[in-house]
Amino acid sequence: MKLQTFTMLTILFFLLALTAYLDSPFSFVNNDYSYMTSEQAVAQPVDVEQPLKLPVLEQRLDNVERIDGYIVETYQEYEVFYDKDGKVIKRNPTSKMETVKYWDN
């Protein structure tokens, strides 16, 4: 009984060691895919074209009111389109409005 347990544990240890070796970068399976820190990585830069005419969302102050000792600021969100030189082509208001309320001294 003890011999059978010892044999099973030895086989289990051998399989675990073999699995660890095959998973390591030093195994013959990963020989073509692993790199050492002394080797330089070969990577080519990728040119990514910027999409044309995508809007940039901006918030602009629309209104300032004093109500019951508070200052209430209303901001409107706009879609802003720019050309290649950074000049504004058009500005479209969206339906999103935000208000900020803070106490007036």
N, C-alpha and C. Protein backbone atom coordinates (compact mmCIF):
# COMPACT_ATOMS: atom_id res chain seq x y z
N MET A 1 0.81 -1.19 0.00
CA MET A 1 0.00 0.00 0.00
C MET A 1 0.86 1.26 0.00
N LYS A 2 1.93 1.26 0.84
CA LYS A 2 2.80 2.42 0.90
C LYS A 2 3.60 2.58 -0.40
N LEU A 3 3.95 1.48 -1.02
CA LEU A 3 4.68 1.53 -2.28
C LEU A 3 3.82 2.13 -3.39
N GLN A 4 2.54 1.78 -3.39
CA GLN A 4 1.63 2.30 -4.40
C GLN A 4 1.42 3.81 -4.20
N THR A 5 1.31 4.27 -2.96
CA THR A 5 1.16 5.70 -2.67
C THR A 5 2.42 6.45 -3.07
N PHE A 6 3.58 5.88 -2.74
CA PHE A 6 4.85 6.51 -3.12
C PHE A 6 4.98 6.59 -4.64
N THR A 7 4.59 5.56 -5.35
CA THR A 7 4.66 5.55 -6.81
C THR A 7 3.73 6.61 -7.41
N MET A 8 2.53 6.71 -6.88
CA MET A 8 1.58 7.72 -7.38
C MET A 8 2.08 9.14 -7.12
N LEU A 9 2.64 9.38 -5.95
CA LEU A 9 3.17 10.71 -5.64
C LEU A 9 4.37 11.04 -6.53
N THR A 10 5.22 10.04 -6.82
CA THR A 10 6.37 10.25 -7.70
C THR A 10 5.90 10.58 -9.12
N ILE A 11 4.92 9.87 -9.61
CA ILE A 11 4.38 10.14 -10.95
C ILE A 11 3.73 11.53 -10.99
N LEU A 12 3.00 11.88 -9.94
CA LEU A 12 2.37 13.20 -9.87
C LEU A 12 3.41 14.30 -9.86
N PHE A 13 4.48 14.12 -9.08
CA PHE A 13 5.55 15.11 -9.04
C PHE A 13 6.23 15.23 -10.40
N PHE A 14 6.48 14.09 -11.07
CA PHE A 14 7.10 14.11 -12.39
C PHE A 14 6.23 14.84 -13.40
N LEU A 15 4.92 14.59 -13.38
CA LEU A 15 4.01 15.27 -14.31
C LEU A 15 3.93 16.76 -14.02
N LEU A 16 3.95 17.14 -12.75
CA LEU A 16 3.95 18.56 -12.38
C LEU A 16 5.22 19.24 -12.85
N ALA A 17 6.37 18.59 -12.67
CA ALA A 17 7.64 19.16 -13.12
C ALA A 17 7.68 19.26 -14.65
N LEU A 18 7.18 18.25 -15.35
CA LEU A 18 7.14 18.29 -16.81
C LEU A 18 6.24 19.41 -17.31
N THR A 19 5.10 19.58 -16.68
CA THR A 19 4.18 20.66 -17.06
C THR A 19 4.80 22.03 -16.82
N ALA A 20 5.48 22.19 -15.71
CA ALA A 20 6.14 23.47 -15.42
C ALA A 20 7.24 23.76 -16.42
N TYR A 21 8.00 22.72 -16.81
CA TYR A 21 9.05 22.92 -17.81
C TYR A 21 8.46 23.30 -19.16
N LEU A 22 7.43 22.62 -19.59
CA LEU A 22 6.84 22.92 -20.90
C LEU A 22 6.19 24.29 -20.94
N ASP A 23 5.76 24.78 -19.80
CA ASP A 23 5.13 26.10 -19.74
C ASP A 23 6.17 27.22 -19.62
N SER A 24 7.40 26.90 -19.30
CA SER A 24 8.43 27.91 -19.11
C SER A 24 8.95 28.41 -20.46
N PRO A 25 9.56 29.60 -20.50
CA PRO A 25 10.11 30.11 -21.75
C PRO A 25 11.37 29.36 -22.20
N PHE A 26 11.93 28.50 -21.35
CA PHE A 26 13.15 27.78 -21.69
C PHE A 26 12.89 26.43 -22.35
N SER A 27 11.63 26.02 -22.47
CA SER A 27 11.33 24.71 -23.04
C SER A 27 11.50 24.74 -24.56
N PHE A 28 11.62 23.55 -25.14
CA PHE A 28 11.78 23.46 -26.59
C PHE A 28 10.50 23.86 -27.32
N VAL A 29 9.36 23.83 -26.65
CA VAL A 29 8.09 24.22 -27.28
C VAL A 29 8.07 25.74 -27.52
N ASN A 30 8.58 26.51 -26.56
CA ASN A 30 8.55 27.97 -26.65
C ASN A 30 9.86 28.56 -27.13
N ASN A 31 10.69 27.78 -27.74
CA ASN A 31 12.01 28.24 -28.16
C ASN A 31 11.92 29.37 -29.18
N ASP A 32 10.97 29.34 -30.09
CA ASP A 32 10.86 30.37 -31.12
C ASP A 32 10.11 31.61 -30.64
N TYR A 33 9.45 31.54 -29.50
CA TYR A 33 8.57 32.63 -29.08
C TYR A 33 9.08 33.40 -27.87
N SER A 34 10.08 32.93 -27.19
CA SER A 34 10.54 33.62 -25.99
C SER A 34 11.74 34.50 -26.31
N TYR A 35 11.85 35.58 -25.55
CA TYR A 35 12.94 36.53 -25.71
C TYR A 35 13.55 36.79 -24.35
N MET A 36 14.83 37.02 -24.32
CA MET A 36 15.51 37.34 -23.08
C MET A 36 15.59 38.85 -22.94
N THR A 37 15.87 39.32 -21.75
CA THR A 37 15.96 40.76 -21.54
C THR A 37 17.18 41.35 -22.22
N SER A 38 18.17 40.55 -22.53
CA SER A 38 19.35 41.07 -23.22
C SER A 38 19.07 41.32 -24.71
N GLU A 39 18.03 40.70 -25.26
CA GLU A 39 17.67 40.89 -26.66
C GLU A 39 16.73 42.08 -26.80
N GLN A 40 16.87 42.81 -27.88
CA GLN A 40 15.97 43.91 -28.14
C GLN A 40 14.68 43.39 -28.76
N ALA A 41 13.59 43.99 -28.35
CA ALA A 41 12.30 43.61 -28.92
C ALA A 41 12.16 44.28 -30.29
N VAL A 42 11.67 43.54 -31.24
CA VAL A 42 11.47 44.07 -32.57
C VAL A 42 10.00 44.44 -32.71
N ALA A 43 9.74 45.72 -32.81
CA ALA A 43 8.36 46.19 -32.94
C ALA A 43 8.33 47.31 -33.96
N GLN A 44 7.35 47.30 -34.80
CA GLN A 44 7.18 48.33 -35.81
C GLN A 44 6.10 49.29 -35.35
N PRO A 45 6.33 50.59 -35.44
CA PRO A 45 5.28 51.53 -35.05
C PRO A 45 4.10 51.46 -36.03
N VAL A 46 2.94 51.65 -35.50
CA VAL A 46 1.73 51.57 -36.31
C VAL A 46 1.23 52.99 -36.56
N ASP A 47 1.01 53.30 -37.81
CA ASP A 47 0.46 54.61 -38.14
C ASP A 47 -1.05 54.54 -38.02
N VAL A 48 -1.58 55.40 -37.17
CA VAL A 48 -3.02 55.44 -36.96
C VAL A 48 -3.52 56.76 -37.53
N GLU A 49 -4.42 56.67 -38.46
CA GLU A 49 -4.99 57.89 -39.03
C GLU A 49 -6.08 58.41 -38.11
N GLN A 50 -6.04 59.68 -37.88
CA GLN A 50 -7.07 60.30 -37.06
C GLN A 50 -8.37 60.37 -37.86
N PRO A 51 -9.47 59.98 -37.25
CA PRO A 51 -10.74 60.06 -37.97
C PRO A 51 -11.08 61.52 -38.28
N LEU A 52 -11.64 61.72 -39.44
CA LEU A 52 -11.96 63.07 -39.87
C LEU A 52 -13.32 63.51 -39.35
N LYS A 53 -13.39 64.75 -38.98
CA LYS A 53 -14.63 65.43 -38.62
C LYS A 53 -15.40 64.76 -37.48
N LEU A 54 -14.69 64.34 -36.46
CA LEU A 54 -15.38 63.87 -35.25
C LEU A 54 -15.58 65.07 -34.33
N PRO A 55 -16.75 65.16 -33.72
CA PRO A 55 -16.97 66.32 -32.85
C PRO A 55 -16.26 66.18 -31.51
N VAL A 56 -15.90 67.33 -30.97
CA VAL A 56 -15.36 67.41 -29.62
C VAL A 56 -16.45 68.02 -28.76
N LEU A 57 -16.74 67.39 -27.62
CA LEU A 57 -17.79 67.89 -26.74
C LEU A 57 -17.21 68.93 -25.79
N GLU A 58 -17.84 70.10 -25.78
CA GLU A 58 -17.41 71.18 -24.91
C GLU A 58 -18.60 71.71 -24.14
N GLN A 59 -18.34 72.19 -22.93
CA GLN A 59 -19.40 72.81 -22.13
C GLN A 59 -19.10 74.31 -22.05
N ARG A 60 -20.14 75.10 -22.32
CA ARG A 60 -19.99 76.55 -22.28
C ARG A 60 -20.99 77.14 -21.32
N LEU A 61 -20.56 78.18 -20.63
CA LEU A 61 -21.44 78.87 -19.70
C LEU A 61 -22.52 79.59 -20.47
N ASP A 62 -23.78 79.27 -20.13
CA ASP A 62 -24.91 79.81 -20.86
C ASP A 62 -25.60 80.93 -20.09
N ASN A 63 -25.74 80.76 -18.77
CA ASN A 63 -26.51 81.72 -17.99
C ASN A 63 -26.03 81.70 -16.55
N VAL A 64 -26.04 82.90 -15.90
CA VAL A 64 -25.72 83.02 -14.47
C VAL A 64 -26.86 83.80 -13.83
N GLU A 65 -27.45 83.23 -12.76
CA GLU A 65 -28.56 83.89 -12.06
C GLU A 65 -28.28 83.87 -10.56
N ARG A 66 -28.85 84.87 -9.85
CA ARG A 66 -28.82 84.88 -8.39
C ARG A 66 -30.22 84.59 -7.90
N ILE A 67 -30.38 83.45 -7.19
CA ILE A 67 -31.69 83.03 -6.71
C ILE A 67 -31.57 82.69 -5.23
N ASP A 68 -32.28 83.43 -4.37
CA ASP A 68 -32.37 83.16 -2.93
C ASP A 68 -31.01 82.98 -2.26
N GLY A 69 -30.06 83.85 -2.54
CA GLY A 69 -28.75 83.79 -1.91
C GLY A 69 -27.80 82.79 -2.54
N TYR A 70 -28.17 82.22 -3.65
CA TYR A 70 -27.32 81.27 -4.36
C TYR A 70 -27.02 81.80 -5.76
N ILE A 71 -25.89 81.42 -6.28
CA ILE A 71 -25.56 81.69 -7.67
C ILE A 71 -25.79 80.40 -8.44
N VAL A 72 -26.59 80.46 -9.48
CA VAL A 72 -26.92 79.29 -10.29
C VAL A 72 -26.34 79.52 -11.69
N GLU A 73 -25.41 78.65 -12.07
CA GLU A 73 -24.80 78.72 -13.40
C GLU A 73 -25.35 77.59 -14.25
N THR A 74 -25.70 77.91 -15.48
CA THR A 74 -26.22 76.91 -16.41
C THR A 74 -25.21 76.73 -17.53
N TYR A 75 -24.85 75.48 -17.78
CA TYR A 75 -23.90 75.14 -18.83
C TYR A 75 -24.59 74.33 -19.91
N GLN A 76 -24.28 74.65 -21.16
CA GLN A 76 -24.82 73.95 -22.33
C GLN A 76 -23.68 73.17 -22.98
N GLU A 77 -23.97 71.93 -23.38
CA GLU A 77 -22.97 71.12 -24.06
C GLU A 77 -23.09 71.35 -25.57
N TYR A 78 -21.93 71.48 -26.22
CA TYR A 78 -21.88 71.72 -27.67
C TYR A 78 -20.99 70.68 -28.33
N GLU A 79 -21.38 70.28 -29.54
CA GLU A 79 -20.51 69.49 -30.41
C GLU A 79 -19.75 70.47 -31.29
N VAL A 80 -18.43 70.45 -31.19
CA VAL A 80 -17.61 71.40 -31.93
C VAL A 80 -16.79 70.61 -32.96
N PHE A 81 -16.87 71.03 -34.21
CA PHE A 81 -16.12 70.40 -35.29
C PHE A 81 -14.96 71.31 -35.67
N TYR A 82 -13.76 70.72 -35.76
CA TYR A 82 -12.56 71.47 -36.12
C TYR A 82 -12.04 70.99 -37.47
N ASP A 83 -11.32 71.89 -38.18
CA ASP A 83 -10.66 71.47 -39.41
C ASP A 83 -9.22 71.05 -39.09
N LYS A 84 -8.42 70.82 -40.11
CA LYS A 84 -7.05 70.34 -39.91
C LYS A 84 -6.18 71.36 -39.19
N ASP A 85 -6.49 72.64 -39.37
CA ASP A 85 -5.69 73.70 -38.76
C ASP A 85 -6.13 74.03 -37.35
N GLY A 86 -7.18 73.41 -36.86
CA GLY A 86 -7.66 73.67 -35.51
C GLY A 86 -8.69 74.77 -35.43
N LYS A 87 -9.20 75.23 -36.56
CA LYS A 87 -10.23 76.27 -36.56
C LYS A 87 -11.60 75.62 -36.46
N VAL A 88 -12.51 76.31 -35.80
CA VAL A 88 -13.87 75.80 -35.60
C VAL A 88 -14.64 75.87 -36.91
N ILE A 89 -15.16 74.73 -37.35
CA ILE A 89 -15.99 74.69 -38.56
C ILE A 89 -17.43 75.00 -38.20
N LYS A 90 -17.96 74.23 -37.23
CA LYS A 90 -19.32 74.51 -36.77
C LYS A 90 -19.47 74.05 -35.34
N ARG A 91 -20.48 74.61 -34.68
CA ARG A 91 -20.75 74.34 -33.27
C ARG A 91 -22.25 74.06 -33.14
N ASN A 92 -22.60 72.83 -32.73
CA ASN A 92 -24.00 72.44 -32.58
C ASN A 92 -24.33 72.23 -31.11
N PRO A 93 -25.38 72.86 -30.58
CA PRO A 93 -25.77 72.59 -29.19
C PRO A 93 -26.44 71.22 -29.09
N THR A 94 -26.18 70.53 -28.00
CA THR A 94 -26.84 69.26 -27.73
C THR A 94 -27.96 69.50 -26.72
N SER A 95 -28.68 68.46 -26.38
CA SER A 95 -29.77 68.61 -25.44
C SER A 95 -29.31 68.54 -23.99
N LYS A 96 -28.05 68.35 -23.74
CA LYS A 96 -27.54 68.20 -22.38
C LYS A 96 -27.26 69.57 -21.77
N MET A 97 -27.91 69.81 -20.63
CA MET A 97 -27.72 71.05 -19.87
C MET A 97 -27.36 70.66 -18.44
N GLU A 98 -26.43 71.39 -17.82
CA GLU A 98 -26.07 71.16 -16.45
C GLU A 98 -26.13 72.46 -15.67
N THR A 99 -26.54 72.36 -14.43
CA THR A 99 -26.57 73.54 -13.57
C THR A 99 -25.70 73.32 -12.36
N VAL A 100 -25.03 74.39 -11.96
CA VAL A 100 -24.20 74.37 -10.76
C VAL A 100 -24.75 75.45 -9.84
N LYS A 101 -25.00 75.04 -8.60
CA LYS A 101 -25.58 75.97 -7.62
C LYS A 101 -24.64 76.05 -6.44
N TYR A 102 -24.22 77.29 -6.10
CA TYR A 102 -23.37 77.46 -4.94
C TYR A 102 -23.77 78.73 -4.19
N TRP A 103 -23.42 78.76 -2.93
CA TRP A 103 -23.86 79.81 -2.03
C TRP A 103 -23.12 81.10 -2.32
N ASP A 104 -23.86 82.22 -2.36
CA ASP A 104 -23.28 83.54 -2.60
C ASP A 104 -22.98 84.20 -1.25
N ASN A 105 -21.79 84.70 -1.07
CA ASN A 105 -21.40 85.34 0.20
C ASN A 105 -22.14 86.64 0.38
